Amino acid sequence: MITLEPFTPADFAQLIAWVDNERLQYEWSGSLFSFPLTPSALTWYLEGANDFAHPEVFIYKAVDSETGRAVGHISLGGISEHNRSGRISRVLVAEGKGRGYCAAMVRALLRIGFEELHLHRIDLGVYDFNQAAIRCYKKCGLRIDGIMRDVVRHDDHYWSLVEMSILEDEWRAQQL
């Protein structure tokens, strides 16, 4: 259903078109980028990415296997070889919402993390108002570790961050 392919400069225009407003960009990337998203910012974002010899960050576009169309974006970064851990970030389902793309993207990334990178723990943070994403992550086996209350201020509102994770043995038990 979904395949993850390395995100490349050829994908910049599509991502820029998807992230077309400041709030969405902030939900997607926090303060990593300033609005609007630009090719030069994305060039910086890709530096050192997708190198299995020196794993630091892996950045992917999600492609619908049937249509060949890119439908989303996801990354796995914060990789610590010593702690065998990583962090899912910048998850964006841009097209075909409600079709199971989020779960397929996350499961594909968990497979890479646990099978190819031999990680022990993978975590993520999601804003508490994004209940659809929280349901998706739970469906993929992630558990809520805690909530960081009022961690981000956007406009005149505070957003809380739900921290979630899954351990290698929990993921492997799901594969049976």
Protein backbone atom coordinates (compact mmCIF):
# COMPACT_ATOMS: atom_id res chain seq x y z
CA MET A 1 0.00 0.00 0.00
CA ILE A 2 2.73 2.47 1.02
CA THR A 3 6.42 2.44 0.26
CA LEU A 4 8.93 4.81 1.77
CA GLU A 5 11.40 6.31 -0.68
CA PRO A 6 14.23 8.69 0.17
CA PHE A 7 13.13 12.32 0.10
CA THR A 8 15.23 14.18 -2.49
CA PRO A 9 15.45 17.68 -3.97
CA ALA A 10 13.06 16.49 -6.70
CA ASP A 11 10.40 16.30 -3.95
CA PHE A 12 10.87 19.85 -2.61
CA ALA A 13 8.14 21.49 -4.72
CA GLN A 14 5.55 18.91 -3.65
CA LEU A 15 6.30 19.32 0.05
CA ILE A 16 6.29 23.11 -0.24
CA ALA A 17 2.87 22.92 -1.94
CA TRP A 18 1.52 20.68 0.82
CA VAL A 19 2.80 22.86 3.66
CA ASP A 20 0.95 25.94 2.49
CA ASN A 21 0.15 27.74 5.74
CA GLU A 22 2.07 28.76 8.82
CA ARG A 23 0.04 26.78 11.34
CA LEU A 24 0.38 23.54 9.37
CA GLN A 25 4.11 24.11 9.01
CA TYR A 26 4.45 24.67 12.75
CA GLU A 27 2.40 21.55 13.53
CA TRP A 28 4.55 19.57 11.10
CA SER A 29 8.01 20.86 11.98
CA GLY A 30 7.84 22.99 15.11
CA SER A 31 10.41 25.76 14.96
CA LEU A 32 12.80 23.88 12.64
CA PHE A 33 11.79 26.01 9.64
CA SER A 34 10.48 29.51 9.26
CA PHE A 35 7.45 30.09 7.06
CA PRO A 36 7.24 29.81 4.13
CA LEU A 37 9.16 26.63 3.50
CA THR A 38 11.91 27.14 0.89
CA PRO A 39 14.14 24.94 -1.27
CA SER A 40 17.24 26.26 0.52
CA ALA A 41 15.80 25.28 3.91
CA LEU A 42 14.99 21.82 2.58
CA THR A 43 18.51 21.50 1.15
CA TRP A 44 19.86 22.12 4.66
CA TYR A 45 17.31 19.62 6.08
CA LEU A 46 18.65 16.88 3.78
CA GLU A 47 22.33 17.35 4.62
CA GLY A 48 23.73 14.07 5.93
CA ALA A 49 20.37 12.30 5.64
CA ASN A 50 19.66 8.73 4.49
CA ASP A 51 23.18 7.36 5.04
CA PHE A 52 23.07 3.88 6.57
CA ALA A 53 26.86 3.99 7.08
CA HIS A 54 26.47 7.05 9.33
CA PRO A 55 22.86 6.95 10.56
CA GLU A 56 21.72 10.28 11.93
CA VAL A 57 18.44 10.94 10.16
CA PHE A 58 16.36 9.23 7.50
CA ILE A 59 13.89 11.37 5.57
CA TYR A 60 11.26 9.78 3.36
CA LYS A 61 8.37 10.52 1.12
CA ALA A 62 5.48 8.08 1.35
CA VAL A 63 4.33 6.73 -1.99
CA ASP A 64 1.05 4.98 -2.72
CA SER A 65 2.17 1.71 -4.32
CA GLU A 66 -0.88 1.50 -6.57
CA THR A 67 -0.79 5.02 -8.02
CA GLY A 68 2.89 5.87 -7.65
CA ARG A 69 1.89 9.24 -6.16
CA ALA A 70 3.58 10.76 -3.15
CA VAL A 71 1.01 11.08 -0.36
CA GLY A 72 3.07 12.06 2.64
CA HIS A 73 6.35 12.68 4.43
CA ILE A 74 8.00 11.13 7.50
CA SER A 75 11.42 11.07 9.12
CA LEU A 76 13.37 9.09 11.69
CA GLY A 77 16.06 11.12 13.41
CA GLY A 78 17.73 11.68 16.74
CA ILE A 79 19.36 8.32 16.22
CA SER A 80 21.67 7.21 19.01
CA GLU A 81 23.70 4.14 18.16
CA HIS A 82 24.82 3.87 21.79
CA ASN A 83 21.25 3.91 23.17
CA ARG A 84 19.84 2.18 20.07
CA SER A 85 17.07 4.76 19.90
CA GLY A 86 15.47 7.09 17.39
CA ARG A 87 12.63 9.58 17.08
CA ILE A 88 9.90 9.75 14.47
CA SER A 89 9.20 13.30 13.40
CA ARG A 90 7.72 15.47 10.68
CA VAL A 91 4.85 13.10 9.91
CA LEU A 92 2.55 14.52 7.25
CA VAL A 93 -0.27 12.76 5.46
CA ALA A 94 -0.99 15.23 2.69
CA GLU A 95 -3.29 13.29 0.40
CA GLY A 96 -5.83 10.53 0.93
CA LYS A 97 -6.58 11.15 4.59
CA GLY A 98 -8.66 8.40 6.15
CA ARG A 99 -7.20 5.72 3.85
CA GLY A 100 -4.75 4.24 6.37
CA TYR A 101 -1.69 6.02 5.01
CA CYS A 102 -0.55 7.27 8.43
CA ALA A 103 -0.46 3.78 9.94
CA ALA A 104 1.24 2.36 6.83
CA MET A 105 3.89 5.10 6.94
CA VAL A 106 4.58 4.61 10.64
CA ARG A 107 4.70 0.81 10.35
CA ALA A 108 7.13 1.04 7.42
CA LEU A 109 9.36 3.40 9.40
CA LEU A 110 9.21 1.18 12.50
CA ARG A 111 10.31 -1.76 10.34
CA ILE A 112 13.32 0.23 9.12
CA GLY A 113 14.16 1.32 12.65
CA PHE A 114 13.88 -2.08 14.26
CA GLU A 115 14.99 -4.40 11.45
CA GLU A 116 17.55 -2.37 9.50
CA LEU A 117 18.91 -0.01 12.16
CA HIS A 118 18.50 -2.49 15.05
CA LEU A 119 17.04 0.14 17.36
CA HIS A 120 15.66 -0.77 20.78
CA ARG A 121 13.32 2.21 21.27
CA ILE A 122 11.54 4.58 18.92
CA ASP A 123 9.60 7.56 20.21
CA LEU A 124 7.71 10.59 18.95
CA GLY A 125 5.90 13.68 20.14
CA VAL A 126 2.46 14.73 18.95
CA TYR A 127 0.39 17.74 19.95
CA ASP A 128 -2.51 16.74 22.18
CA PHE A 129 -5.16 18.22 19.89
CA ASN A 130 -4.14 15.88 17.05
CA GLN A 131 -6.37 13.02 18.20
CA ALA A 132 -6.38 11.33 14.77
CA ALA A 133 -2.59 11.02 14.88
CA ILE A 134 -2.64 9.76 18.48
CA ARG A 135 -5.15 7.05 17.48
CA CYS A 136 -2.96 6.13 14.51
CA TYR A 137 0.17 5.83 16.63
CA LYS A 138 -1.63 3.71 19.22
CA LYS A 139 -2.88 1.47 16.40
CA CYS A 140 0.78 0.98 15.42
CA GLY A 141 1.66 -0.10 18.96
CA LEU A 142 3.10 3.10 20.44
CA ARG A 143 2.20 3.83 24.04
CA ILE A 144 1.76 7.14 25.78
CA ASP A 145 4.71 7.86 28.06
CA GLY A 146 3.46 11.20 29.31
CA ILE A 147 2.32 14.69 28.46
CA MET A 148 4.46 17.81 28.45
CA ARG A 149 1.90 20.47 29.33
CA ASP A 150 1.84 23.83 27.55
CA VAL A 151 5.22 23.20 25.95
CA VAL A 152 4.70 25.40 22.87
CA ARG A 153 3.02 28.76 22.44
CA HIS A 154 1.49 29.41 19.04
CA ASP A 155 -0.36 32.67 18.55
CA ASP A 156 -2.20 33.11 21.86
CA HIS A 157 -2.59 29.41 22.62
CA TYR A 158 -0.43 26.85 24.36
CA TRP A 159 -0.03 23.38 22.96
CA SER A 160 0.77 20.30 25.04
CA LEU A 161 2.93 17.52 23.67
CA VAL A 162 2.03 13.84 24.07
CA GLU A 163 5.18 11.71 24.22
CA MET A 164 4.79 8.18 22.86
CA SER A 165 7.16 5.26 22.32
CA ILE A 166 7.46 1.64 21.33
CA LEU A 167 10.17 -0.83 22.32
CA GLU A 168 11.76 -3.44 20.11
CA ASP A 169 10.17 -6.41 21.91
CA GLU A 170 6.71 -4.80 21.74
CA TRP A 171 7.11 -4.26 18.02
CA ARG A 172 8.37 -7.81 17.43
CA ALA A 173 5.38 -9.25 19.35
CA GLN A 174 3.08 -7.43 16.90
CA GLN A 175 4.80 -9.11 13.95
CA LEU A 176 3.76 -12.64 15.00
